[in-house]
């Protein structure tokens, strides 16, 4: 019983801890202006143009920290605060999303692999729990195994996401330094924002692995019985 409670505590605490780190870093550095005085939109446009990605658009999107790169429309979308703001945090996030655009242009292998996993990962996320629950209720090891296979696809997606996100952050740091968006003394603050954001992906991967491991142990236990 104690191990069961610890397990569920970890499932709750790990994501909440990662989210709190992101919110804390963003809140702090969204109030710190970057030395270039550029908005997030200007930062994104500058880095895109420096890399010859003139056809990639930069758009404002609703929401808080809803920033993302859309490979289908070749568009970097920045939340309003980052699109219009002149902060260190906004510059870091804009550069990170442009990092994904550069990955897309260069056909970065992990990004391509992640794209191919999307349909299967969505199926795994949506149906694996129902299949496993049905297997537990019917005492069917075969159903549980099928659910584990579906869930494994979703977990693989989370694992492949890690190198994609870390690489985008590394590219972001290189670009905002080389293009003069930030000074050398601003690198530490920028890295804190990017590292905090990366924690959310690490947390998601850890939680996914814990969930998968739990059901694997259930499957093994049923077979031993």
C-alpha atoms as a PDB file:
ATOM      1  CA  UNK A   1       0.000   0.000   0.000  1.00  0.00           C
ATOM      2  CA  UNK A   2       2.841   2.388   0.876  1.00  0.00           C
ATOM      3  CA  UNK A   3       4.591   1.776  -2.448  1.00  0.00           C
ATOM      4  CA  UNK A   4       1.273   2.344  -4.250  1.00  0.00           C
ATOM      5  CA  UNK A   5       0.834   5.727  -2.556  1.00  0.00           C
ATOM      6  CA  UNK A   6       4.432   6.710  -3.290  1.00  0.00           C
ATOM      7  CA  UNK A   7       3.908   5.810  -6.949  1.00  0.00           C
ATOM      8  CA  UNK A   8       0.827   8.000  -7.318  1.00  0.00           C
ATOM      9  CA  UNK A   9       2.493  10.793  -5.352  1.00  0.00           C
ATOM     10  CA  UNK A  10       5.325  10.751  -7.893  1.00  0.00           C
ATOM     11  CA  UNK A  11       2.844  10.888 -10.785  1.00  0.00           C
ATOM     12  CA  UNK A  12       1.369  14.038  -9.278  1.00  0.00           C
ATOM     13  CA  UNK A  13       4.487  15.702  -7.900  1.00  0.00           C
ATOM     14  CA  UNK A  14       6.843  15.343 -10.883  1.00  0.00           C
ATOM     15  CA  UNK A  15       4.662  17.212 -13.443  1.00  0.00           C
ATOM     16  CA  UNK A  16       3.610  19.838 -10.884  1.00  0.00           C
ATOM     17  CA  UNK A  17       7.232  20.451  -9.929  1.00  0.00           C
ATOM     18  CA  UNK A  18       8.260  20.829 -13.579  1.00  0.00           C
ATOM     19  CA  UNK A  19       5.381  23.204 -14.296  1.00  0.00           C
ATOM     20  CA  UNK A  20       6.209  25.314 -11.251  1.00  0.00           C
ATOM     21  CA  UNK A  21       9.818  25.632 -12.423  1.00  0.00           C
ATOM     22  CA  UNK A  22       8.683  26.794 -15.855  1.00  0.00           C
ATOM     23  CA  UNK A  23       6.197  29.299 -14.457  1.00  0.00           C
ATOM     24  CA  UNK A  24       8.717  30.632 -11.949  1.00  0.00           C
ATOM     25  CA  UNK A  25      11.480  31.090 -14.543  1.00  0.00           C
ATOM     26  CA  UNK A  26       9.119  32.620 -17.085  1.00  0.00           C
ATOM     27  CA  UNK A  27       7.535  34.973 -14.555  1.00  0.00           C
ATOM     28  CA  UNK A  28      10.952  36.183 -13.432  1.00  0.00           C
ATOM     29  CA  UNK A  29      12.603  36.635 -16.823  1.00  0.00           C
ATOM     30  CA  UNK A  30       9.538  37.904 -18.659  1.00  0.00           C
ATOM     31  CA  UNK A  31      10.069  41.040 -16.577  1.00  0.00           C
ATOM     32  CA  UNK A  32      13.729  41.358 -17.605  1.00  0.00           C
ATOM     33  CA  UNK A  33      14.158  43.252 -20.910  1.00  0.00           C
ATOM     34  CA  UNK A  34      16.666  41.837 -23.384  1.00  0.00           C
ATOM     35  CA  UNK A  35      19.543  44.110 -24.330  1.00  0.00           C
ATOM     36  CA  UNK A  36      18.610  44.291 -28.024  1.00  0.00           C
ATOM     37  CA  UNK A  37      15.138  45.620 -27.244  1.00  0.00           C
ATOM     38  CA  UNK A  38      13.663  43.234 -29.809  1.00  0.00           C
ATOM     39  CA  UNK A  39      10.236  41.680 -29.440  1.00  0.00           C
ATOM     40  CA  UNK A  40       9.819  37.921 -29.640  1.00  0.00           C
ATOM     41  CA  UNK A  41       8.353  38.343 -33.127  1.00  0.00           C
ATOM     42  CA  UNK A  42      11.386  40.344 -34.233  1.00  0.00           C
ATOM     43  CA  UNK A  43      13.759  37.790 -32.709  1.00  0.00           C
ATOM     44  CA  UNK A  44      12.027  34.951 -34.533  1.00  0.00           C
ATOM     45  CA  UNK A  45      12.005  36.840 -37.840  1.00  0.00           C
ATOM     46  CA  UNK A  46      15.657  37.798 -37.524  1.00  0.00           C
ATOM     47  CA  UNK A  47      16.849  34.254 -36.815  1.00  0.00           C
ATOM     48  CA  UNK A  48      14.655  32.812 -39.564  1.00  0.00           C
ATOM     49  CA  UNK A  49      16.020  35.295 -42.092  1.00  0.00           C
ATOM     50  CA  UNK A  50      19.602  34.717 -40.952  1.00  0.00           C
ATOM     51  CA  UNK A  51      19.072  31.037 -41.757  1.00  0.00           C
ATOM     52  CA  UNK A  52      17.392  31.664 -45.101  1.00  0.00           C
ATOM     53  CA  UNK A  53      13.944  30.618 -43.898  1.00  0.00           C
ATOM     54  CA  UNK A  54      12.145  33.562 -45.485  1.00  0.00           C
ATOM     55  CA  UNK A  55       9.031  31.516 -46.255  1.00  0.00           C
ATOM     56  CA  UNK A  56       8.424  30.581 -42.600  1.00  0.00           C
ATOM     57  CA  UNK A  57       5.820  32.893 -41.085  1.00  0.00           C
ATOM     58  CA  UNK A  58       5.689  34.305 -37.562  1.00  0.00           C
ATOM     59  CA  UNK A  59       2.221  34.698 -36.084  1.00  0.00           C
ATOM     60  CA  UNK A  60       0.623  35.653 -32.794  1.00  0.00           C
ATOM     61  CA  UNK A  61      -1.450  32.961 -31.077  1.00  0.00           C
ATOM     62  CA  UNK A  62      -3.833  33.154 -28.143  1.00  0.00           C
ATOM     63  CA  UNK A  63      -3.028  31.630 -24.774  1.00  0.00           C
ATOM     64  CA  UNK A  64      -0.291  31.721 -22.182  1.00  0.00           C
ATOM     65  CA  UNK A  65       2.921  29.902 -23.145  1.00  0.00           C
ATOM     66  CA  UNK A  66       1.111  28.453 -26.150  1.00  0.00           C
ATOM     67  CA  UNK A  67       4.167  29.027 -28.343  1.00  0.00           C
ATOM     68  CA  UNK A  68       4.897  26.353 -30.946  1.00  0.00           C
ATOM     69  CA  UNK A  69       6.140  25.656 -34.451  1.00  0.00           C
ATOM     70  CA  UNK A  70       3.632  24.249 -36.936  1.00  0.00           C
ATOM     71  CA  UNK A  71       5.500  22.165 -39.550  1.00  0.00           C
ATOM     72  CA  UNK A  72       2.387  21.788 -41.716  1.00  0.00           C
ATOM     73  CA  UNK A  73       1.969  25.500 -42.398  1.00  0.00           C
ATOM     74  CA  UNK A  74       5.646  26.350 -41.788  1.00  0.00           C
ATOM     75  CA  UNK A  75       4.691  28.871 -39.107  1.00  0.00           C
ATOM     76  CA  UNK A  76       6.237  29.917 -35.801  1.00  0.00           C
ATOM     77  CA  UNK A  77       3.400  30.863 -33.466  1.00  0.00           C
ATOM     78  CA  UNK A  78       4.134  32.941 -30.376  1.00  0.00           C
ATOM     79  CA  UNK A  79       1.808  33.733 -27.474  1.00  0.00           C
ATOM     80  CA  UNK A  80       0.852  37.400 -27.200  1.00  0.00           C
ATOM     81  CA  UNK A  81       3.204  38.163 -24.318  1.00  0.00           C
ATOM     82  CA  UNK A  82       6.195  36.766 -26.169  1.00  0.00           C
ATOM     83  CA  UNK A  83       5.146  38.068 -29.587  1.00  0.00           C
ATOM     84  CA  UNK A  84       4.949  41.694 -28.435  1.00  0.00           C
ATOM     85  CA  UNK A  85       7.236  41.624 -25.373  1.00  0.00           C
ATOM     86  CA  UNK A  86      10.912  42.595 -25.228  1.00  0.00           C
ATOM     87  CA  UNK A  87      11.960  40.218 -22.468  1.00  0.00           C
ATOM     88  CA  UNK A  88      14.767  37.712 -22.090  1.00  0.00           C
ATOM     89  CA  UNK A  89      12.165  34.974 -21.653  1.00  0.00           C
ATOM     90  CA  UNK A  90      10.316  35.979 -24.816  1.00  0.00           C
ATOM     91  CA  UNK A  91      13.518  36.020 -26.844  1.00  0.00           C
ATOM     92  CA  UNK A  92      14.521  32.595 -25.513  1.00  0.00           C
ATOM     93  CA  UNK A  93      11.155  31.004 -26.314  1.00  0.00           C
ATOM     94  CA  UNK A  94      10.969  32.605 -29.759  1.00  0.00           C
ATOM     95  CA  UNK A  95      14.458  31.333 -30.569  1.00  0.00           C
ATOM     96  CA  UNK A  96      13.531  27.859 -29.310  1.00  0.00           C
ATOM     97  CA  UNK A  97      10.522  27.636 -31.641  1.00  0.00           C
ATOM     98  CA  UNK A  98      12.656  28.838 -34.537  1.00  0.00           C
ATOM     99  CA  UNK A  99      15.044  26.044 -33.579  1.00  0.00           C
ATOM    100  CA  UNK A 100      12.267  23.621 -34.538  1.00  0.00           C
ATOM    101  CA  UNK A 101      11.828  25.411 -37.877  1.00  0.00           C
ATOM    102  CA  UNK A 102      15.545  24.985 -38.563  1.00  0.00           C
ATOM    103  CA  UNK A 103      15.292  21.310 -37.615  1.00  0.00           C
ATOM    104  CA  UNK A 104      12.414  20.941 -40.055  1.00  0.00           C
ATOM    105  CA  UNK A 105      14.364  22.641 -42.846  1.00  0.00           C
ATOM    106  CA  UNK A 106      17.384  20.410 -42.224  1.00  0.00           C
ATOM    107  CA  UNK A 107      15.237  17.252 -41.964  1.00  0.00           C
ATOM    108  CA  UNK A 108      16.602  16.609 -38.475  1.00  0.00           C
ATOM    109  CA  UNK A 109      16.205  12.830 -38.049  1.00  0.00           C
ATOM    110  CA  UNK A 110      14.650  12.718 -34.536  1.00  0.00           C
ATOM    111  CA  UNK A 111      12.093  15.355 -35.565  1.00  0.00           C
ATOM    112  CA  UNK A 112      11.160  13.369 -38.676  1.00  0.00           C
ATOM    113  CA  UNK A 113      10.880  10.210 -36.611  1.00  0.00           C
ATOM    114  CA  UNK A 114       8.656  11.992 -34.087  1.00  0.00           C
ATOM    115  CA  UNK A 115       6.367  13.175 -36.884  1.00  0.00           C
ATOM    116  CA  UNK A 116       5.934   9.608 -38.135  1.00  0.00           C
ATOM    117  CA  UNK A 117       5.041   8.501 -34.611  1.00  0.00           C
ATOM    118  CA  UNK A 118       2.244  11.045 -34.127  1.00  0.00           C
ATOM    119  CA  UNK A 119      -0.691   8.929 -35.452  1.00  0.00           C
ATOM    120  CA  UNK A 120       0.388   5.809 -33.539  1.00  0.00           C
ATOM    121  CA  UNK A 121       1.209   7.794 -30.397  1.00  0.00           C
ATOM    122  CA  UNK A 122      -2.234   9.420 -30.492  1.00  0.00           C
ATOM    123  CA  UNK A 123      -3.863   6.004 -30.713  1.00  0.00           C
ATOM    124  CA  UNK A 124      -1.737   4.795 -27.823  1.00  0.00           C
ATOM    125  CA  UNK A 125      -2.606   7.785 -25.659  1.00  0.00           C
ATOM    126  CA  UNK A 126      -6.325   7.582 -26.402  1.00  0.00           C
ATOM    127  CA  UNK A 127      -6.976   3.845 -26.235  1.00  0.00           C
ATOM    128  CA  UNK A 128      -4.251   2.106 -24.231  1.00  0.00           C
ATOM    129  CA  UNK A 129      -5.861   2.770 -20.831  1.00  0.00           C
ATOM    130  CA  UNK A 130      -9.253   1.501 -21.977  1.00  0.00           C
ATOM    131  CA  UNK A 131      -7.717  -1.680 -23.390  1.00  0.00           C
ATOM    132  CA  UNK A 132      -5.667  -2.301 -20.244  1.00  0.00           C
ATOM    133  CA  UNK A 133      -8.653  -1.599 -17.986  1.00  0.00           C
ATOM    134  CA  UNK A 134     -10.730  -4.054 -20.012  1.00  0.00           C
ATOM    135  CA  UNK A 135      -7.942  -6.603 -19.637  1.00  0.00           C
ATOM    136  CA  UNK A 136      -7.819  -6.127 -15.862  1.00  0.00           C
ATOM    137  CA  UNK A 137     -11.618  -6.385 -15.504  1.00  0.00           C
ATOM    138  CA  UNK A 138     -11.729  -9.536 -17.665  1.00  0.00           C
ATOM    139  CA  UNK A 139      -8.494 -10.934 -16.191  1.00  0.00           C
ATOM    140  CA  UNK A 140      -7.178 -11.112 -19.747  1.00  0.00           C
ATOM    141  CA  UNK A 141      -3.387 -10.932 -20.022  1.00  0.00           C
ATOM    142  CA  UNK A 142      -3.685 -10.683 -23.804  1.00  0.00           C
ATOM    143  CA  UNK A 143      -5.758  -7.489 -23.577  1.00  0.00           C
ATOM    144  CA  UNK A 144      -3.284  -6.013 -21.113  1.00  0.00           C
ATOM    145  CA  UNK A 145      -0.410  -6.884 -23.449  1.00  0.00           C
ATOM    146  CA  UNK A 146      -2.213  -5.213 -26.354  1.00  0.00           C
ATOM    147  CA  UNK A 147      -2.738  -2.110 -24.227  1.00  0.00           C
ATOM    148  CA  UNK A 148       0.945  -2.118 -23.255  1.00  0.00           C
ATOM    149  CA  UNK A 149       1.928  -2.242 -26.929  1.00  0.00           C
ATOM    150  CA  UNK A 150      -0.309   0.755 -27.664  1.00  0.00           C
ATOM    151  CA  UNK A 151       1.056   2.600 -24.639  1.00  0.00           C
ATOM    152  CA  UNK A 152       4.650   1.839 -25.684  1.00  0.00           C
ATOM    153  CA  UNK A 153       4.103   3.874 -28.855  1.00  0.00           C
ATOM    154  CA  UNK A 154       3.052   6.872 -26.770  1.00  0.00           C
ATOM    155  CA  UNK A 155       6.041   6.404 -24.466  1.00  0.00           C
ATOM    156  CA  UNK A 156       8.389   6.155 -27.447  1.00  0.00           C
ATOM    157  CA  UNK A 157       6.997   9.462 -28.686  1.00  0.00           C
ATOM    158  CA  UNK A 158       7.791  11.069 -25.323  1.00  0.00           C
ATOM    159  CA  UNK A 159      11.325   9.682 -25.383  1.00  0.00           C
ATOM    160  CA  UNK A 160      11.998  10.866 -28.947  1.00  0.00           C
ATOM    161  CA  UNK A 161      10.674  14.296 -27.967  1.00  0.00           C
ATOM    162  CA  UNK A 162      13.559  14.778 -25.518  1.00  0.00           C
ATOM    163  CA  UNK A 163      16.433  15.013 -28.043  1.00  0.00           C
ATOM    164  CA  UNK A 164      14.209  17.116 -30.324  1.00  0.00           C
ATOM    165  CA  UNK A 165      13.541  19.676 -27.589  1.00  0.00           C
ATOM    166  CA  UNK A 166      17.081  19.742 -26.197  1.00  0.00           C
ATOM    167  CA  UNK A 167      18.491  20.187 -29.686  1.00  0.00           C
ATOM    168  CA  UNK A 168      16.059  23.052 -30.380  1.00  0.00           C
ATOM    169  CA  UNK A 169      17.186  24.751 -27.157  1.00  0.00           C
ATOM    170  CA  UNK A 170      20.860  24.323 -28.094  1.00  0.00           C
ATOM    171  CA  UNK A 171      20.162  25.826 -31.494  1.00  0.00           C
ATOM    172  CA  UNK A 172      18.283  28.679 -29.805  1.00  0.00           C
ATOM    173  CA  UNK A 173      21.271  29.557 -27.633  1.00  0.00           C
ATOM    174  CA  UNK A 174      23.639  29.491 -30.594  1.00  0.00           C
ATOM    175  CA  UNK A 175      21.363  31.662 -32.715  1.00  0.00           C
ATOM    176  CA  UNK A 176      20.496  34.385 -30.214  1.00  0.00           C
ATOM    177  CA  UNK A 177      24.156  34.763 -29.286  1.00  0.00           C
ATOM    178  CA  UNK A 178      25.510  34.715 -32.845  1.00  0.00           C
ATOM    179  CA  UNK A 179      22.844  37.128 -34.126  1.00  0.00           C
ATOM    180  CA  UNK A 180      23.427  39.554 -31.254  1.00  0.00           C
ATOM    181  CA  UNK A 181      19.937  39.292 -29.777  1.00  0.00           C
ATOM    182  CA  UNK A 182      21.429  38.926 -26.295  1.00  0.00           C
ATOM    183  CA  UNK A 183      24.747  39.859 -24.732  1.00  0.00           C
ATOM    184  CA  UNK A 184      27.113  37.303 -23.198  1.00  0.00           C
ATOM    185  CA  UNK A 185      26.028  38.313 -19.688  1.00  0.00           C
ATOM    186  CA  UNK A 186      22.438  37.383 -20.574  1.00  0.00           C
ATOM    187  CA  UNK A 187      23.257  33.806 -21.530  1.00  0.00           C
ATOM    188  CA  UNK A 188      22.802  32.518 -17.986  1.00  0.00           C
ATOM    189  CA  UNK A 189      19.274  33.924 -17.701  1.00  0.00           C
ATOM    190  CA  UNK A 190      18.352  32.624 -21.156  1.00  0.00           C
ATOM    191  CA  UNK A 191      19.585  29.125 -20.308  1.00  0.00           C
ATOM    192  CA  UNK A 192      17.499  29.123 -17.129  1.00  0.00           C
ATOM    193  CA  UNK A 193      14.341  29.755 -19.161  1.00  0.00           C
ATOM    194  CA  UNK A 194      15.198  27.070 -21.717  1.00  0.00           C
ATOM    195  CA  UNK A 195      16.259  24.537 -19.080  1.00  0.00           C
ATOM    196  CA  UNK A 196      13.068  25.075 -17.087  1.00  0.00           C
ATOM    197  CA  UNK A 197      10.979  24.525 -20.216  1.00  0.00           C
ATOM    198  CA  UNK A 198      12.912  21.332 -20.979  1.00  0.00           C
ATOM    199  CA  UNK A 199      12.000  19.960 -17.551  1.00  0.00           C
ATOM    200  CA  UNK A 200       8.365  19.656 -18.602  1.00  0.00           C
ATOM    201  CA  UNK A 201       9.354  17.211 -21.347  1.00  0.00           C
ATOM    202  CA  UNK A 202      11.617  15.274 -18.994  1.00  0.00           C
ATOM    203  CA  UNK A 203       8.791  15.068 -16.459  1.00  0.00           C
ATOM    204  CA  UNK A 204       6.338  13.865 -19.101  1.00  0.00           C
ATOM    205  CA  UNK A 205       8.770  11.158 -20.206  1.00  0.00           C
ATOM    206  CA  UNK A 206       9.388   9.996 -16.618  1.00  0.00           C
ATOM    207  CA  UNK A 207       5.657   9.804 -15.865  1.00  0.00           C
ATOM    208  CA  UNK A 208       5.021   7.899 -19.096  1.00  0.00           C
ATOM    209  CA  UNK A 209       7.762   5.397 -18.249  1.00  0.00           C
ATOM    210  CA  UNK A 210       6.407   4.916 -14.724  1.00  0.00           C
ATOM    211  CA  UNK A 211       2.929   4.230 -16.060  1.00  0.00           C
ATOM    212  CA  UNK A 212       4.236   1.776 -18.634  1.00  0.00           C
ATOM    213  CA  UNK A 213       6.342  -0.024 -16.014  1.00  0.00           C
ATOM    214  CA  UNK A 214       3.321  -0.350 -13.716  1.00  0.00           C
ATOM    215  CA  UNK A 215       1.254  -2.108 -16.356  1.00  0.00           C
ATOM    216  CA  UNK A 216       4.163  -4.306 -17.403  1.00  0.00           C
ATOM    217  CA  UNK A 217       4.429  -5.498 -13.781  1.00  0.00           C
ATOM    218  CA  UNK A 218       0.677  -6.162 -13.718  1.00  0.00           C
ATOM    219  CA  UNK A 219       1.006  -8.214 -16.912  1.00  0.00           C
ATOM    220  CA  UNK A 220       3.937 -10.182 -15.500  1.00  0.00           C
ATOM    221  CA  UNK A 221       2.030 -10.790 -12.274  1.00  0.00           C
ATOM    222  CA  UNK A 222      -0.989 -12.148 -14.138  1.00  0.00           C
ATOM    223  CA  UNK A 223       1.181 -14.542 -16.139  1.00  0.00           C
ATOM    224  CA  UNK A 224       2.890 -15.808 -12.966  1.00  0.00           C
ATOM    225  CA  UNK A 225      -0.495 -16.528 -11.414  1.00  0.00           C
END
